[in-house]
Amino acid sequence: MFYVSGLGVDPGFRRCHIAERLSVALINELRSQGFTYRLGRTDISARGMRALYAKLGFQELPIHDSLYPERSYWLLRLCDSKGQGG
């Protein structure tokens, strides 16, 4: 499993698909390295990142973080149990 704590884009460069390109590049690299899962987290109010996670195939996890209730957690399966792309 690979976990990314955060991804941010300067407000002046948002809506230029930078986060999407970085995320896709990371996903492709993780797959080539044989990682099985990619876990991410974002703020529940971060509509753009939540939409990007969904677009890329992540599933929102039904986790309630009592220490950080404003967070949501997302999981992407990168490959199956035989190491094939997900």
C-alpha atoms as a PDB file:
ATOM      1  CA  MET A   1       0.000   0.000   0.000  1.00  0.00           C
ATOM      2  CA  PHE A   2       1.141   3.517  -0.786  1.00  0.00           C
ATOM      3  CA  TYR A   3      -0.238   6.483   1.145  1.00  0.00           C
ATOM      4  CA  VAL A   4      -0.156  10.124   0.086  1.00  0.00           C
ATOM      5  CA  SER A   5      -0.682  12.586   2.902  1.00  0.00           C
ATOM      6  CA  GLY A   6      -1.586  15.511   0.686  1.00  0.00           C
ATOM      7  CA  LEU A   7      -1.537  17.023  -2.771  1.00  0.00           C
ATOM      8  CA  GLY A   8      -1.993  20.722  -3.313  1.00  0.00           C
ATOM      9  CA  VAL A   9      -1.929  23.004  -6.324  1.00  0.00           C
ATOM     10  CA  ASP A  10      -1.292  26.734  -6.077  1.00  0.00           C
ATOM     11  CA  PRO A  11      -4.600  28.591  -6.503  1.00  0.00           C
ATOM     12  CA  GLY A  12      -3.238  30.397  -9.564  1.00  0.00           C
ATOM     13  CA  PHE A  13      -2.731  27.080 -11.358  1.00  0.00           C
ATOM     14  CA  ARG A  14      -5.913  25.255 -10.394  1.00  0.00           C
ATOM     15  CA  ARG A  15      -8.267  23.935 -13.074  1.00  0.00           C
ATOM     16  CA  CYS A  16      -5.252  23.163 -15.285  1.00  0.00           C
ATOM     17  CA  HIS A  17      -5.420  19.389 -14.590  1.00  0.00           C
ATOM     18  CA  ILE A  18      -2.132  19.478 -12.667  1.00  0.00           C
ATOM     19  CA  ALA A  19      -3.430  17.379  -9.757  1.00  0.00           C
ATOM     20  CA  GLU A  20      -4.926  14.885 -12.206  1.00  0.00           C
ATOM     21  CA  ARG A  21      -1.683  14.559 -14.183  1.00  0.00           C
ATOM     22  CA  LEU A  22       0.372  14.130 -11.017  1.00  0.00           C
ATOM     23  CA  SER A  23      -2.089  11.571  -9.655  1.00  0.00           C
ATOM     24  CA  VAL A  24      -2.159   9.555 -12.889  1.00  0.00           C
ATOM     25  CA  ALA A  25       1.654   9.596 -13.101  1.00  0.00           C
ATOM     26  CA  LEU A  26       1.902   8.399  -9.502  1.00  0.00           C
ATOM     27  CA  ILE A  27      -0.691   5.665 -10.065  1.00  0.00           C
ATOM     28  CA  ASN A  28       1.155   4.435 -13.166  1.00  0.00           C
ATOM     29  CA  GLU A  29       4.475   4.397 -11.311  1.00  0.00           C
ATOM     30  CA  LEU A  30       2.988   2.555  -8.340  1.00  0.00           C
ATOM     31  CA  ARG A  31       1.483  -0.059 -10.668  1.00  0.00           C
ATOM     32  CA  SER A  32       4.843  -0.535 -12.398  1.00  0.00           C
ATOM     33  CA  GLN A  33       6.463  -1.013  -8.978  1.00  0.00           C
ATOM     34  CA  GLY A  34       3.933  -3.687  -8.005  1.00  0.00           C
ATOM     35  CA  PHE A  35       2.011  -1.773  -5.345  1.00  0.00           C
ATOM     36  CA  THR A  36      -1.438  -3.218  -4.652  1.00  0.00           C
ATOM     37  CA  TYR A  37      -3.276  -0.229  -3.186  1.00  0.00           C
ATOM     38  CA  ARG A  38      -3.039   3.546  -3.074  1.00  0.00           C
ATOM     39  CA  LEU A  39      -4.649   5.302  -0.117  1.00  0.00           C
ATOM     40  CA  GLY A  40      -5.424   8.998  -0.045  1.00  0.00           C
ATOM     41  CA  ARG A  41      -7.198  11.392   2.235  1.00  0.00           C
ATOM     42  CA  THR A  42      -8.777  14.753   1.761  1.00  0.00           C
ATOM     43  CA  ASP A  43     -11.002  17.189   3.545  1.00  0.00           C
ATOM     44  CA  ILE A  44     -14.704  16.426   3.172  1.00  0.00           C
ATOM     45  CA  SER A  45     -15.210  19.970   1.863  1.00  0.00           C
ATOM     46  CA  ALA A  46     -12.578  19.558  -0.903  1.00  0.00           C
ATOM     47  CA  ARG A  47     -15.057  18.943  -3.711  1.00  0.00           C
ATOM     48  CA  GLY A  48     -12.414  19.093  -6.434  1.00  0.00           C
ATOM     49  CA  MET A  49     -10.170  16.442  -4.901  1.00  0.00           C
ATOM     50  CA  ARG A  50     -13.103  14.217  -4.000  1.00  0.00           C
ATOM     51  CA  ALA A  51     -14.319  14.440  -7.608  1.00  0.00           C
ATOM     52  CA  LEU A  52     -10.828  13.637  -8.886  1.00  0.00           C
ATOM     53  CA  TYR A  53     -10.514  10.599  -6.627  1.00  0.00           C
ATOM     54  CA  ALA A  54     -13.880   9.339  -7.893  1.00  0.00           C
ATOM     55  CA  LYS A  55     -12.915  10.017 -11.528  1.00  0.00           C
ATOM     56  CA  LEU A  56      -9.698   8.028 -11.090  1.00  0.00           C
ATOM     57  CA  GLY A  57     -11.579   5.037  -9.674  1.00  0.00           C
ATOM     58  CA  PHE A  58     -10.969   5.473  -5.961  1.00  0.00           C
ATOM     59  CA  GLN A  59     -13.648   4.296  -3.552  1.00  0.00           C
ATOM     60  CA  GLU A  60     -14.481   6.430  -0.553  1.00  0.00           C
ATOM     61  CA  LEU A  61     -13.983   4.394   2.595  1.00  0.00           C
ATOM     62  CA  PRO A  62     -16.721   4.366   5.247  1.00  0.00           C
ATOM     63  CA  ILE A  63     -14.347   5.611   7.929  1.00  0.00           C
ATOM     64  CA  HIS A  64     -15.199   8.162  10.580  1.00  0.00           C
ATOM     65  CA  ASP A  65     -12.018   9.631  12.001  1.00  0.00           C
ATOM     66  CA  SER A  66     -12.891  10.781  15.516  1.00  0.00           C
ATOM     67  CA  LEU A  67      -9.680  12.835  15.764  1.00  0.00           C
ATOM     68  CA  TYR A  68     -10.169  14.509  12.366  1.00  0.00           C
ATOM     69  CA  PRO A  69     -13.882  14.371  11.521  1.00  0.00           C
ATOM     70  CA  GLU A  70     -13.354  16.675   8.529  1.00  0.00           C
ATOM     71  CA  ARG A  71     -11.306  14.031   6.671  1.00  0.00           C
ATOM     72  CA  SER A  72     -12.404  11.470   4.136  1.00  0.00           C
ATOM     73  CA  TYR A  73     -10.289   8.498   3.082  1.00  0.00           C
ATOM     74  CA  TRP A  74     -10.129   6.982  -0.399  1.00  0.00           C
ATOM     75  CA  LEU A  75      -8.716   3.679  -1.674  1.00  0.00           C
ATOM     76  CA  LEU A  76      -7.669   2.606  -5.172  1.00  0.00           C
ATOM     77  CA  ARG A  77      -6.838  -0.990  -5.979  1.00  0.00           C
ATOM     78  CA  LEU A  78      -3.802  -0.900  -8.259  1.00  0.00           C
ATOM     79  CA  CYS A  79      -3.534  -4.592  -9.096  1.00  0.00           C
ATOM     80  CA  ASP A  80      -5.184  -7.881  -8.272  1.00  0.00           C
ATOM     81  CA  SER A  81      -3.775 -10.627  -6.062  1.00  0.00           C
ATOM     82  CA  LYS A  82      -1.773 -11.955  -9.045  1.00  0.00           C
ATOM     83  CA  GLY A  83      -0.096  -8.595  -9.603  1.00  0.00           C
ATOM     84  CA  GLN A  84      -2.183  -7.674 -12.652  1.00  0.00           C
ATOM     85  CA  GLY A  85      -3.235  -4.056 -13.178  1.00  0.00           C
ATOM     86  CA  GLY A  86      -6.452  -3.015 -11.440  1.00  0.00           C
END
